[in-house]
Amino acid sequence: MRLDKYLKISRLIKRRTVANEACDAGKVLVNGKVARASYDVKEGDVLEIQMGQRPVKVRVTTVTEHATKADAAQMYTVEG
């Protein structure tokens, strides 16, 4: 699944266009490297999102095409 789509479905970022812009601006890192919106997200990837005051670091646990609000929080685990 594309990185921008994953960020939207997992509800880490509200809109796919905002996720796409964040990737283009270099604010999203995957495994320590700047990633493009077209990056193919896999289980075990570590995402770092630098939006706002606090950066968010999460590990991808599952990749699914559709997720309810309750299921979205189970798609990743927050890391220190």
C-alpha atoms as a PDB file:
ATOM      1  CA  MET A   1       0.000   0.000   0.000  1.00  0.00           C
ATOM      2  CA  ARG A   2       1.216   3.501  -0.787  1.00  0.00           C
ATOM      3  CA  LEU A   3       2.561   5.525   2.129  1.00  0.00           C
ATOM      4  CA  ASP A   4       0.094   8.409   1.719  1.00  0.00           C
ATOM      5  CA  LYS A   5      -2.843   5.998   1.641  1.00  0.00           C
ATOM      6  CA  TYR A   6      -1.565   4.134   4.717  1.00  0.00           C
ATOM      7  CA  LEU A   7      -1.250   7.383   6.675  1.00  0.00           C
ATOM      8  CA  LYS A   8      -4.870   8.240   5.847  1.00  0.00           C
ATOM      9  CA  ILE A   9      -6.377   4.797   6.515  1.00  0.00           C
ATOM     10  CA  SER A  10      -4.491   4.415   9.800  1.00  0.00           C
ATOM     11  CA  ARG A  11      -5.712   7.923  10.714  1.00  0.00           C
ATOM     12  CA  LEU A  12      -2.208   9.188  11.484  1.00  0.00           C
ATOM     13  CA  ILE A  13      -3.000  12.039   9.068  1.00  0.00           C
ATOM     14  CA  LYS A  14      -6.607  13.026   8.345  1.00  0.00           C
ATOM     15  CA  ARG A  15      -6.472  13.578   4.594  1.00  0.00           C
ATOM     16  CA  ARG A  16      -4.567  11.825   1.843  1.00  0.00           C
ATOM     17  CA  THR A  17      -3.662  15.118   0.166  1.00  0.00           C
ATOM     18  CA  VAL A  18      -2.148  16.371   3.435  1.00  0.00           C
ATOM     19  CA  ALA A  19      -0.233  13.086   3.759  1.00  0.00           C
ATOM     20  CA  ASN A  20       1.018  13.481   0.183  1.00  0.00           C
ATOM     21  CA  GLU A  21       2.167  17.062   0.874  1.00  0.00           C
ATOM     22  CA  ALA A  22       3.938  15.965   4.085  1.00  0.00           C
ATOM     23  CA  CYS A  23       5.836  13.297   2.127  1.00  0.00           C
ATOM     24  CA  ASP A  24       6.795  15.813  -0.569  1.00  0.00           C
ATOM     25  CA  ALA A  25       8.057  18.231   2.115  1.00  0.00           C
ATOM     26  CA  GLY A  26      10.301  15.536   3.624  1.00  0.00           C
ATOM     27  CA  LYS A  27       8.381  15.372   6.908  1.00  0.00           C
ATOM     28  CA  VAL A  28       7.835  11.603   6.768  1.00  0.00           C
ATOM     29  CA  LEU A  29      10.706   9.187   7.343  1.00  0.00           C
ATOM     30  CA  VAL A  30      10.541   5.432   6.829  1.00  0.00           C
ATOM     31  CA  ASN A  31      13.263   3.438   8.589  1.00  0.00           C
ATOM     32  CA  GLY A  32      15.262   6.655   9.034  1.00  0.00           C
ATOM     33  CA  LYS A  33      15.110   7.792   5.398  1.00  0.00           C
ATOM     34  CA  VAL A  34      12.928  10.430   3.743  1.00  0.00           C
ATOM     35  CA  ALA A  35      10.179   8.604   1.850  1.00  0.00           C
ATOM     36  CA  ARG A  36       8.032   9.581  -1.102  1.00  0.00           C
ATOM     37  CA  ALA A  37       4.246   9.219  -1.087  1.00  0.00           C
ATOM     38  CA  SER A  38       4.542   6.262  -3.472  1.00  0.00           C
ATOM     39  CA  TYR A  39       6.678   4.217  -1.034  1.00  0.00           C
ATOM     40  CA  ASP A  40       5.249   0.695  -0.532  1.00  0.00           C
ATOM     41  CA  VAL A  41       4.559   0.303   3.211  1.00  0.00           C
ATOM     42  CA  LYS A  42       5.328  -3.129   4.693  1.00  0.00           C
ATOM     43  CA  GLU A  43       4.760  -4.641   8.135  1.00  0.00           C
ATOM     44  CA  GLY A  44       7.660  -3.843  10.451  1.00  0.00           C
ATOM     45  CA  ASP A  45       8.481  -0.447   8.879  1.00  0.00           C
ATOM     46  CA  VAL A  46       9.154   2.379  11.342  1.00  0.00           C
ATOM     47  CA  LEU A  47       7.467   5.655  10.362  1.00  0.00           C
ATOM     48  CA  GLU A  48       8.496   9.032  11.774  1.00  0.00           C
ATOM     49  CA  ILE A  49       6.097  11.899  11.101  1.00  0.00           C
ATOM     50  CA  GLN A  50       7.327  15.403  11.900  1.00  0.00           C
ATOM     51  CA  MET A  51       4.138  17.454  11.898  1.00  0.00           C
ATOM     52  CA  GLY A  52       3.543  20.132  14.518  1.00  0.00           C
ATOM     53  CA  GLN A  53       5.477  20.379  17.780  1.00  0.00           C
ATOM     54  CA  ARG A  54       6.063  16.701  18.562  1.00  0.00           C
ATOM     55  CA  PRO A  55       7.331  14.116  16.099  1.00  0.00           C
ATOM     56  CA  VAL A  56       5.405  10.821  16.089  1.00  0.00           C
ATOM     57  CA  LYS A  57       7.248   7.507  15.732  1.00  0.00           C
ATOM     58  CA  VAL A  58       5.223   4.350  15.003  1.00  0.00           C
ATOM     59  CA  ARG A  59       5.904   0.772  13.882  1.00  0.00           C
ATOM     60  CA  VAL A  60       3.582  -0.687  11.235  1.00  0.00           C
ATOM     61  CA  THR A  61       1.892  -3.847  12.532  1.00  0.00           C
ATOM     62  CA  THR A  62      -0.672  -4.521   9.790  1.00  0.00           C
ATOM     63  CA  VAL A  63      -1.480  -3.173   6.339  1.00  0.00           C
ATOM     64  CA  THR A  64      -5.169  -3.382   5.371  1.00  0.00           C
ATOM     65  CA  GLU A  65      -7.125  -1.662   2.596  1.00  0.00           C
ATOM     66  CA  HIS A  66     -10.039  -0.657   4.839  1.00  0.00           C
ATOM     67  CA  ALA A  67     -10.185   0.054   8.556  1.00  0.00           C
ATOM     68  CA  THR A  68     -12.856   1.271  10.919  1.00  0.00           C
ATOM     69  CA  LYS A  69     -11.993   3.909  13.490  1.00  0.00           C
ATOM     70  CA  ALA A  70     -11.441   1.187  16.113  1.00  0.00           C
ATOM     71  CA  ASP A  71      -9.303  -0.956  13.785  1.00  0.00           C
ATOM     72  CA  ALA A  72      -7.149   1.991  12.640  1.00  0.00           C
ATOM     73  CA  ALA A  73      -5.366   2.225  16.006  1.00  0.00           C
ATOM     74  CA  GLN A  74      -4.369  -1.455  15.713  1.00  0.00           C
ATOM     75  CA  MET A  75      -2.539  -0.875  12.418  1.00  0.00           C
ATOM     76  CA  TYR A  76       0.501   0.529  14.276  1.00  0.00           C
ATOM     77  CA  THR A  77       2.206   0.721  17.664  1.00  0.00           C
ATOM     78  CA  VAL A  78       3.602   3.969  19.020  1.00  0.00           C
ATOM     79  CA  GLU A  79       7.313   3.882  19.867  1.00  0.00           C
ATOM     80  CA  GLY A  80       9.236   6.009  22.383  1.00  0.00           C
END
